[in-house]
Structures are given as structure tokens and as C-alpha cells.
Amino acid sequence: MEQSFGSTPEIHPKALLLWALLFLLHFKKKQLPNLFYVMKNLRLSIHTN
């Protein structure tokens, strides 16, 4: 596990989605629609880039 983290400096889209989910779940537990909205925006930004 440590090898993969050390050898891959790039940030993976799935990792970003996981961090976004954790952030929203931690700070905005009651705002589920907001969570889906951010997920959609992240997916769109990933596809466009």
C-alpha cells in the first residue's frame, strides 16, 4: 500500500470523489442533495478535462 502511494504522485479521480464524499459527510451530514450535486460537478469536470 505504501509503495503505490509513494510511486504515484498523480491524484486519481476516484480519490478526489472519495475525499469530496468524506468532506461533505463530515461537515454536512444533513445535506444529501448537496452531496449528489457536488458529485455530478466533479464527474463533469473530470470528463471535460
PDB file of N, CA and C in Angstrom:
ATOM      1  N   MET A   1       0.833  -1.208   0.000  1.00  0.00           N
ATOM      2  CA  MET A   1       0.000   0.000   0.000  1.00  0.00           C
ATOM      3  C   MET A   1       0.869   1.260   0.000  1.00  0.00           C
ATOM      4  N   GLU A   2       1.900   1.243   0.832  1.00  0.00           N
ATOM      5  CA  GLU A   2       2.786   2.411   0.892  1.00  0.00           C
ATOM      6  C   GLU A   2       3.508   2.633  -0.435  1.00  0.00           C
ATOM      7  N   GLN A   3       3.845   1.547  -1.124  1.00  0.00           N
ATOM      8  CA  GLN A   3       4.529   1.674  -2.410  1.00  0.00           C
ATOM      9  C   GLN A   3       3.666   2.410  -3.421  1.00  0.00           C
ATOM     10  N   SER A   4       2.387   2.017  -3.528  1.00  0.00           N
ATOM     11  CA  SER A   4       1.504   2.644  -4.511  1.00  0.00           C
ATOM     12  C   SER A   4       1.367   4.137  -4.225  1.00  0.00           C
ATOM     13  N   PHE A   5       1.274   4.508  -2.938  1.00  0.00           N
ATOM     14  CA  PHE A   5       1.154   5.921  -2.602  1.00  0.00           C
ATOM     15  C   PHE A   5       2.439   6.677  -2.932  1.00  0.00           C
ATOM     16  N   GLY A   6       3.576   6.062  -2.669  1.00  0.00           N
ATOM     17  CA  GLY A   6       4.843   6.736  -2.896  1.00  0.00           C
ATOM     18  C   GLY A   6       5.210   6.837  -4.366  1.00  0.00           C
ATOM     19  N   SER A   7       4.798   5.839  -5.156  1.00  0.00           N
ATOM     20  CA  SER A   7       5.214   5.798  -6.556  1.00  0.00           C
ATOM     21  C   SER A   7       4.229   6.516  -7.477  1.00  0.00           C
ATOM     22  N   THR A   8       3.070   6.932  -6.949  1.00  0.00           N
ATOM     23  CA  THR A   8       2.080   7.608  -7.795  1.00  0.00           C
ATOM     24  C   THR A   8       1.788   9.007  -7.263  1.00  0.00           C
ATOM     25  N   PRO A   9       2.487  10.019  -7.783  1.00  0.00           N
ATOM     26  CA  PRO A   9       2.267  11.400  -7.351  1.00  0.00           C
ATOM     27  C   PRO A   9       0.964  11.975  -7.894  1.00  0.00           C
ATOM     28  N   GLU A  10       0.402  11.343  -8.944  1.00  0.00           N
ATOM     29  CA  GLU A  10      -0.827  11.849  -9.535  1.00  0.00           C
ATOM     30  C   GLU A  10      -2.022  11.586  -8.621  1.00  0.00           C
ATOM     31  N   ILE A  11      -2.978  12.517  -8.654  1.00  0.00           N
ATOM     32  CA  ILE A  11      -4.197  12.345  -7.867  1.00  0.00           C
ATOM     33  C   ILE A  11      -5.263  11.705  -8.749  1.00  0.00           C
ATOM     34  N   HIS A  12      -5.769  10.568  -8.315  1.00  0.00           N
ATOM     35  CA  HIS A  12      -6.751   9.848  -9.119  1.00  0.00           C
ATOM     36  C   HIS A  12      -8.156  10.422  -8.922  1.00  0.00           C
ATOM     37  N   PRO A  13      -8.973  10.456  -9.978  1.00  0.00           N
ATOM     38  CA  PRO A  13     -10.346  10.974  -9.891  1.00  0.00           C
ATOM     39  C   PRO A  13     -11.147  10.291  -8.800  1.00  0.00           C
ATOM     40  N   LYS A  14     -10.993   8.978  -8.674  1.00  0.00           N
ATOM     41  CA  LYS A  14     -11.737   8.251  -7.644  1.00  0.00           C
ATOM     42  C   LYS A  14     -11.331   8.723  -6.252  1.00  0.00           C
ATOM     43  N   ALA A  15     -10.046   9.021  -6.078  1.00  0.00           N
ATOM     44  CA  ALA A  15      -9.582   9.512  -4.782  1.00  0.00           C
ATOM     45  C   ALA A  15     -10.221  10.870  -4.475  1.00  0.00           C
ATOM     46  N   LEU A  16     -10.307  11.732  -5.491  1.00  0.00           N
ATOM     47  CA  LEU A  16     -10.933  13.037  -5.306  1.00  0.00           C
ATOM     48  C   LEU A  16     -12.396  12.881  -4.920  1.00  0.00           C
ATOM     49  N   LEU A  17     -13.093  11.962  -5.584  1.00  0.00           N
ATOM     50  CA  LEU A  17     -14.502  11.721  -5.260  1.00  0.00           C
ATOM     51  C   LEU A  17     -14.648  11.228  -3.824  1.00  0.00           C
ATOM     52  N   LEU A  18     -13.758  10.334  -3.412  1.00  0.00           N
ATOM     53  CA  LEU A  18     -13.817   9.827  -2.044  1.00  0.00           C
ATOM     54  C   LEU A  18     -13.581  10.929  -1.023  1.00  0.00           C
ATOM     55  N   TRP A  19     -12.592  11.782  -1.303  1.00  0.00           N
ATOM     56  CA  TRP A  19     -12.311  12.892  -0.393  1.00  0.00           C
ATOM     57  C   TRP A  19     -13.492  13.847  -0.320  1.00  0.00           C
ATOM     58  N   ALA A  20     -14.114  14.135  -1.493  1.00  0.00           N
ATOM     59  CA  ALA A  20     -15.282  15.019  -1.518  1.00  0.00           C
ATOM     60  C   ALA A  20     -16.426  14.422  -0.701  1.00  0.00           C
ATOM     61  N   LEU A  21     -16.637  13.124  -0.865  1.00  0.00           N
ATOM     62  CA  LEU A  21     -17.707  12.456  -0.117  1.00  0.00           C
ATOM     63  C   LEU A  21     -17.444  12.515   1.383  1.00  0.00           C
ATOM     64  N   LEU A  22     -16.213  12.208   1.786  1.00  0.00           N
ATOM     65  CA  LEU A  22     -15.866  12.247   3.205  1.00  0.00           C
ATOM     66  C   LEU A  22     -16.028  13.653   3.768  1.00  0.00           C
ATOM     67  N   PHE A  23     -15.582  14.654   2.994  1.00  0.00           N
ATOM     68  CA  PHE A  23     -15.678  16.045   3.440  1.00  0.00           C
ATOM     69  C   PHE A  23     -17.126  16.439   3.666  1.00  0.00           C
ATOM     70  N   LEU A  24     -17.975  16.136   2.663  1.00  0.00           N
ATOM     71  CA  LEU A  24     -19.388  16.514   2.762  1.00  0.00           C
ATOM     72  C   LEU A  24     -20.096  15.741   3.869  1.00  0.00           C
ATOM     73  N   LEU A  25     -19.796  14.457   3.984  1.00  0.00           N
ATOM     74  CA  LEU A  25     -20.436  13.648   5.021  1.00  0.00           C
ATOM     75  C   LEU A  25     -20.035  14.139   6.406  1.00  0.00           C
ATOM     76  N   HIS A  26     -18.800  14.611   6.541  1.00  0.00           N
ATOM     77  CA  HIS A  26     -18.310  15.060   7.843  1.00  0.00           C
ATOM     78  C   HIS A  26     -18.883  16.419   8.233  1.00  0.00           C
ATOM     79  N   PHE A  27     -18.928  17.353   7.271  1.00  0.00           N
ATOM     80  CA  PHE A  27     -19.333  18.718   7.592  1.00  0.00           C
ATOM     81  C   PHE A  27     -20.809  18.993   7.299  1.00  0.00           C
ATOM     82  N   LYS A  28     -21.399  18.227   6.371  1.00  0.00           N
ATOM     83  CA  LYS A  28     -22.796  18.486   6.018  1.00  0.00           C
ATOM     84  C   LYS A  28     -23.573  17.173   5.960  1.00  0.00           C
ATOM     85  N   LYS A  29     -23.725  16.548   7.122  1.00  0.00           N
ATOM     86  CA  LYS A  29     -24.361  15.235   7.168  1.00  0.00           C
ATOM     87  C   LYS A  29     -25.827  15.293   6.739  1.00  0.00           C
ATOM     88  N   LYS A  30     -26.485  16.429   6.966  1.00  0.00           N
ATOM     89  CA  LYS A  30     -27.920  16.506   6.694  1.00  0.00           C
ATOM     90  C   LYS A  30     -28.239  17.007   5.287  1.00  0.00           C
ATOM     91  N   GLN A  31     -27.217  17.402   4.533  1.00  0.00           N
ATOM     92  CA  GLN A  31     -27.463  17.956   3.205  1.00  0.00           C
ATOM     93  C   GLN A  31     -27.054  16.951   2.124  1.00  0.00           C
ATOM     94  N   LEU A  32     -27.828  15.878   2.003  1.00  0.00           N
ATOM     95  CA  LEU A  32     -27.524  14.857   0.995  1.00  0.00           C
ATOM     96  C   LEU A  32     -27.659  15.373  -0.438  1.00  0.00           C
ATOM     97  N   PRO A  33     -28.673  16.184  -0.767  1.00  0.00           N
ATOM     98  CA  PRO A  33     -28.769  16.716  -2.138  1.00  0.00           C
ATOM     99  C   PRO A  33     -27.503  17.465  -2.543  1.00  0.00           C
ATOM    100  N   ASN A  34     -26.912  18.191  -1.611  1.00  0.00           N
ATOM    101  CA  ASN A  34     -25.679  18.921  -1.893  1.00  0.00           C
ATOM    102  C   ASN A  34     -24.563  17.951  -2.269  1.00  0.00           C
ATOM    103  N   LEU A  35     -24.526  16.813  -1.602  1.00  0.00           N
ATOM    104  CA  LEU A  35     -23.513  15.797  -1.876  1.00  0.00           C
ATOM    105  C   LEU A  35     -23.626  15.295  -3.306  1.00  0.00           C
ATOM    106  N   PHE A  36     -24.849  14.975  -3.728  1.00  0.00           N
ATOM    107  CA  PHE A  36     -25.040  14.491  -5.100  1.00  0.00           C
ATOM    108  C   PHE A  36     -24.697  15.579  -6.110  1.00  0.00           C
ATOM    109  N   TYR A  37     -25.036  16.823  -5.772  1.00  0.00           N
ATOM    110  CA  TYR A  37     -24.739  17.954  -6.662  1.00  0.00           C
ATOM    111  C   TYR A  37     -23.232  18.075  -6.886  1.00  0.00           C
ATOM    112  N   VAL A  38     -22.463  17.978  -5.815  1.00  0.00           N
ATOM    113  CA  VAL A  38     -21.000  18.076  -5.926  1.00  0.00           C
ATOM    114  C   VAL A  38     -20.441  16.889  -6.720  1.00  0.00           C
ATOM    115  N   MET A  39     -21.006  15.707  -6.481  1.00  0.00           N
ATOM    116  CA  MET A  39     -20.548  14.527  -7.225  1.00  0.00           C
ATOM    117  C   MET A  39     -20.763  14.713  -8.721  1.00  0.00           C
ATOM    118  N   LYS A  40     -21.925  15.249  -9.092  1.00  0.00           N
ATOM    119  CA  LYS A  40     -22.210  15.492 -10.509  1.00  0.00           C
ATOM    120  C   LYS A  40     -21.204  16.492 -11.081  1.00  0.00           C
ATOM    121  N   ASN A  41     -20.941  17.565 -10.349  1.00  0.00           N
ATOM    122  CA  ASN A  41     -19.991  18.575 -10.822  1.00  0.00           C
ATOM    123  C   ASN A  41     -18.597  17.979 -10.986  1.00  0.00           C
ATOM    124  N   LEU A  42     -18.176  17.151 -10.037  1.00  0.00           N
ATOM    125  CA  LEU A  42     -16.860  16.513 -10.122  1.00  0.00           C
ATOM    126  C   LEU A  42     -16.780  15.607 -11.343  1.00  0.00           C
ATOM    127  N   ARG A  43     -17.834  14.820 -11.572  1.00  0.00           N
ATOM    128  CA  ARG A  43     -17.826  13.912 -12.724  1.00  0.00           C
ATOM    129  C   ARG A  43     -17.763  14.703 -14.018  1.00  0.00           C
ATOM    130  N   LEU A  44     -18.508  15.806 -14.084  1.00  0.00           N
ATOM    131  CA  LEU A  44     -18.497  16.631 -15.289  1.00  0.00           C
ATOM    132  C   LEU A  44     -17.113  17.224 -15.515  1.00  0.00           C
ATOM    133  N   SER A  45     -16.510  17.743 -14.456  1.00  0.00           N
ATOM    134  CA  SER A  45     -15.189  18.372 -14.598  1.00  0.00           C
ATOM    135  C   SER A  45     -14.143  17.342 -15.015  1.00  0.00           C
ATOM    136  N   ILE A  46     -14.259  16.127 -14.490  1.00  0.00           N
ATOM    137  CA  ILE A  46     -13.310  15.069 -14.848  1.00  0.00           C
ATOM    138  C   ILE A  46     -13.468  14.687 -16.315  1.00  0.00           C
ATOM    139  N   HIS A  47     -14.725  14.600 -16.780  1.00  0.00           N
ATOM    140  CA  HIS A  47     -14.958  14.210 -18.174  1.00  0.00           C
ATOM    141  C   HIS A  47     -14.511  15.301 -19.144  1.00  0.00           C
ATOM    142  N   THR A  48     -14.687  16.577 -18.763  1.00  0.00           N
ATOM    143  CA  THR A  48     -14.326  17.665 -19.672  1.00  0.00           C
ATOM    144  C   THR A  48     -12.811  17.831 -19.752  1.00  0.00           C
ATOM    145  N   ASN A  49     -12.103  17.528 -18.657  1.00  0.00           N
ATOM    146  CA  ASN A  49     -10.651  17.719 -18.660  1.00  0.00           C
ATOM    147  C   ASN A  49      -9.889  16.597 -19.295  1.00  0.00           C
TER     148      ASN A  49
END
